[in-house]
Amino acid sequence: LPLENVLGRFEFKNGLVTMKDVNFQFRGAPVRFDHGTVKVEDTGQFELSVSDLWVEAIRFDQDLRKKMPPLMAQFARRLDDGRTFRARGDLMIGWSGKAGEPAWCKWDNALAVFDNNRVMTEIPLEHIHGQIDHVSGWSNGIALKVDGILNLGTVSVLGQQITNLESPFQVQGGVAQLENVRARFLGGEILGKGLISLDA
């Protein structure tokens, strides 16, 4: 997973690398972050942390999914309709250095923007316009947990347009739970809870 055209300020001191104003290309997508740190031990143990990370036009295509842990690839497959995503947030990645233990990834203060995207569940959610924000989460490639707020201007379900859809949500155990749904439909209002399976 090469990073290309890397620009920024990197300072190494006592085993800690401090990074500032970093820009690079990741699989053709522009990425930038304000500041961050990375520390690597002789054992291979490492921890990377970046703040205010921005990713433009990222695509979860088949080639990228092959390089993901199976759980993340399964989740990303649901989002792969050939369109790109835009996201920002704070990110941490680390590994204990112990053989057999997976690396982990955490994110916080995250935002993902949908622009005519699709989520390919059993009943597809299509023509999605809006965003998920206040997103936090954690994964080690075996388990995945995500919390946030869904705020969609429009989404199409079975050919019917739903507008102003809002709900806190949680993703865990292969299921996205919409905890308190409010939306507009055919001049009326939808209220309730919902589940969307993201499992195989």
Protein backbone atom coordinates (compact mmCIF):
# COMPACT_ATOMS: atom_id res chain seq x y z
CA LEU A 1 0.00 0.00 0.00
CA PRO A 2 2.45 2.68 -1.17
CA LEU A 3 2.06 6.36 -0.32
CA GLU A 4 3.14 8.59 -3.21
CA ASN A 5 4.22 12.22 -3.57
CA VAL A 6 4.66 12.62 0.18
CA LEU A 7 5.22 16.20 1.38
CA GLY A 8 5.43 17.48 4.95
CA ARG A 9 7.66 18.13 7.93
CA PHE A 10 9.04 15.06 9.76
CA GLU A 11 11.16 15.37 12.91
CA PHE A 12 12.79 12.39 14.66
CA LYS A 13 13.68 12.72 18.35
CA ASN A 14 14.31 9.98 20.93
CA GLY A 15 12.46 7.33 18.92
CA LEU A 16 9.41 9.47 18.17
CA VAL A 17 8.65 10.91 14.74
CA THR A 18 6.54 14.09 14.77
CA MET A 19 4.73 14.92 11.52
CA LYS A 20 3.18 18.24 10.47
CA ASP A 21 1.31 19.51 7.40
CA VAL A 22 1.53 16.20 5.55
CA ASN A 23 0.10 15.60 2.05
CA PHE A 24 0.33 12.47 -0.09
CA GLN A 25 -1.49 10.35 -2.68
CA PHE A 26 -2.98 6.99 -1.67
CA ARG A 27 -4.15 4.90 -4.64
CA GLY A 28 -4.81 8.11 -6.55
CA ALA A 29 -6.77 9.73 -3.71
CA PRO A 30 -5.45 12.97 -2.18
CA VAL A 31 -4.83 12.65 1.58
CA ARG A 32 -3.67 15.25 4.08
CA PHE A 33 -3.42 15.66 7.84
CA ASP A 34 -2.52 18.51 10.14
CA HIS A 35 -0.21 16.73 12.57
CA GLY A 36 0.63 13.32 13.95
CA THR A 37 3.20 11.07 15.61
CA VAL A 38 4.58 7.58 15.06
CA LYS A 39 6.76 5.49 17.39
CA VAL A 40 8.30 2.13 16.45
CA GLU A 41 10.04 -0.17 18.95
CA ASP A 42 12.77 -2.71 18.20
CA THR A 43 10.19 -5.48 18.72
CA GLY A 44 8.10 -4.09 15.85
CA GLN A 45 5.54 -2.65 18.26
CA PHE A 46 4.29 0.64 16.86
CA GLU A 47 1.66 3.29 17.33
CA LEU A 48 0.72 5.90 14.74
CA SER A 49 -1.65 8.76 15.52
CA VAL A 50 -2.82 11.53 13.17
CA SER A 51 -5.25 14.39 13.73
CA ASP A 52 -7.54 16.12 11.25
CA LEU A 53 -7.01 13.55 8.49
CA TRP A 54 -8.76 14.34 5.18
CA VAL A 55 -9.26 11.81 2.36
CA GLU A 56 -10.70 12.87 -0.99
CA ALA A 57 -12.14 10.53 -3.62
CA ILE A 58 -11.21 7.19 -2.04
CA ARG A 59 -12.58 4.08 -3.75
CA PHE A 60 -12.92 0.67 -2.05
CA ASP A 61 -12.24 -1.33 -5.19
CA GLN A 62 -11.52 -5.04 -5.44
CA ASP A 63 -7.74 -4.61 -5.45
CA LEU A 64 -7.80 -2.60 -2.21
CA ARG A 65 -10.19 -5.07 -0.56
CA LYS A 66 -7.72 -7.91 -1.26
CA LYS A 67 -5.24 -6.14 1.02
CA MET A 68 -7.75 -5.61 3.85
CA PRO A 69 -8.44 -8.00 6.75
CA PRO A 70 -11.42 -10.22 5.78
CA LEU A 71 -13.88 -8.45 8.09
CA MET A 72 -13.01 -4.99 6.76
CA ALA A 73 -13.09 -6.27 3.19
CA GLN A 74 -16.56 -7.74 3.74
CA PHE A 75 -17.78 -4.39 5.08
CA ALA A 76 -16.12 -2.43 2.26
CA ARG A 77 -17.64 -4.74 -0.37
CA ARG A 78 -21.06 -3.40 0.59
CA LEU A 79 -19.89 0.11 -0.31
CA ASP A 80 -18.22 -0.67 -3.63
CA ASP A 81 -20.46 0.67 -6.37
CA GLY A 82 -17.63 2.31 -8.31
CA ARG A 83 -18.18 5.71 -6.73
CA THR A 84 -15.79 7.50 -4.43
CA PHE A 85 -16.14 8.70 -0.85
CA ARG A 86 -14.84 11.69 1.06
CA ALA A 87 -13.95 11.43 4.74
CA ARG A 88 -12.11 13.12 7.59
CA GLY A 89 -11.32 12.40 11.24
CA ASP A 90 -8.67 11.42 13.77
CA LEU A 91 -6.95 8.05 13.27
CA MET A 92 -4.75 5.72 15.31
CA ILE A 93 -3.13 2.48 14.13
CA GLY A 94 -0.97 0.19 16.25
CA TRP A 95 0.43 -3.26 16.93
CA SER A 96 1.69 -4.87 20.13
CA GLY A 97 4.72 -6.46 18.49
CA LYS A 98 3.59 -9.88 19.75
CA ALA A 99 3.42 -12.64 17.15
CA GLY A 100 -0.11 -13.73 16.36
CA GLU A 101 -1.76 -10.58 17.71
CA PRO A 102 -3.50 -8.47 15.05
CA ALA A 103 -2.87 -4.80 14.47
CA TRP A 104 -5.68 -2.47 15.53
CA CYS A 105 -7.21 0.70 14.19
CA LYS A 106 -9.22 3.40 16.02
CA TRP A 107 -10.92 6.50 14.70
CA ASP A 108 -12.73 9.43 16.29
CA ASN A 109 -14.40 12.72 15.32
CA ALA A 110 -14.92 11.20 11.87
CA LEU A 111 -17.18 12.26 9.01
CA ALA A 112 -17.98 10.43 5.76
CA VAL A 113 -19.82 12.12 2.89
CA PHE A 114 -22.06 10.25 0.41
CA ASP A 115 -22.65 11.70 -3.05
CA ASN A 116 -25.04 9.43 -4.96
CA ASN A 117 -23.50 6.30 -3.39
CA ARG A 118 -25.08 2.92 -2.71
CA VAL A 119 -24.92 0.40 0.14
CA MET A 120 -25.48 -3.08 -1.28
CA THR A 121 -27.49 -4.77 1.48
CA GLU A 122 -30.23 -7.36 0.81
CA ILE A 123 -32.53 -4.41 0.10
CA PRO A 124 -30.09 -1.91 -1.49
CA LEU A 125 -29.93 1.65 -0.26
CA GLU A 126 -29.37 3.69 -3.43
CA HIS A 127 -28.79 7.28 -4.52
CA ILE A 128 -27.57 8.21 -1.05
CA HIS A 129 -26.85 11.91 -0.49
CA GLY A 130 -25.75 13.09 2.93
CA GLN A 131 -23.27 12.13 5.59
CA ILE A 132 -22.49 10.17 8.72
CA ASP A 133 -20.80 12.24 11.39
CA HIS A 134 -19.61 12.17 15.01
CA VAL A 135 -18.26 8.74 14.08
CA SER A 136 -15.99 6.77 16.39
CA GLY A 137 -14.93 3.17 16.12
CA TRP A 138 -12.42 0.39 16.53
CA SER A 139 -11.34 -2.73 14.65
CA ASN A 140 -8.58 -5.30 14.84
CA GLY A 141 -9.62 -7.06 11.63
CA ILE A 142 -11.54 -9.66 13.65
CA ALA A 143 -14.12 -7.45 15.37
CA LEU A 144 -15.58 -4.14 14.23
CA LYS A 145 -17.50 -1.52 16.22
CA VAL A 146 -18.69 1.84 14.90
CA ASP A 147 -20.93 4.51 16.44
CA GLY A 148 -22.15 7.73 14.87
CA ILE A 149 -25.07 9.77 13.57
CA LEU A 150 -26.72 9.18 10.19
CA ASN A 151 -27.89 12.38 8.46
CA LEU A 152 -29.06 11.80 4.88
CA GLY A 153 -30.79 14.37 2.72
CA THR A 154 -32.15 11.68 0.38
CA VAL A 155 -31.95 7.90 -0.05
CA SER A 156 -33.85 5.55 -2.36
CA VAL A 157 -35.27 2.27 -0.99
CA LEU A 158 -37.03 -0.09 -3.46
CA GLY A 159 -37.43 2.85 -5.85
CA GLN A 160 -39.05 5.08 -3.21
CA GLN A 161 -37.33 8.26 -2.08
CA ILE A 162 -36.94 8.92 1.64
CA THR A 163 -35.74 12.38 2.70
CA ASN A 164 -34.28 13.98 5.84
CA LEU A 165 -33.36 10.63 7.34
CA GLU A 166 -31.67 10.97 10.73
CA SER A 167 -30.71 8.44 13.38
CA PRO A 168 -27.93 7.52 15.78
CA PHE A 169 -26.42 4.24 14.58
CA GLN A 170 -24.13 1.45 15.73
CA VAL A 171 -22.36 -1.20 13.67
CA GLN A 172 -21.39 -4.37 15.53
CA GLY A 173 -21.59 -8.10 14.90
CA GLY A 174 -22.31 -7.66 11.18
CA VAL A 175 -25.39 -5.51 11.80
CA ALA A 176 -25.99 -1.77 11.53
CA GLN A 177 -28.61 -0.70 14.07
CA LEU A 178 -30.53 2.52 13.49
CA GLU A 179 -31.57 3.42 17.00
CA ASN A 180 -34.03 6.31 16.60
CA VAL A 181 -35.09 6.85 12.98
CA ARG A 182 -36.83 10.02 11.82
CA ALA A 183 -37.47 10.62 8.11
CA ARG A 184 -39.93 12.09 5.61
CA PHE A 185 -41.80 9.88 3.15
CA LEU A 186 -44.68 10.72 0.75
CA GLY A 187 -45.50 13.87 2.70
CA GLY A 188 -45.60 12.03 6.02
CA GLU A 189 -43.11 11.09 8.70
CA ILE A 190 -41.35 7.80 9.48
CA LEU A 191 -40.41 7.06 13.09
CA GLY A 192 -38.91 3.91 14.56
CA LYS A 193 -35.86 1.66 14.75
CA GLY A 194 -34.17 -0.44 12.10
CA LEU A 195 -31.56 -3.08 11.38
CA ILE A 196 -29.44 -3.47 8.23
CA SER A 197 -27.46 -6.70 7.86
CA LEU A 198 -23.90 -6.18 6.62
CA ASP A 199 -22.98 -9.85 7.05
CA ALA A 200 -22.11 -12.25 4.25
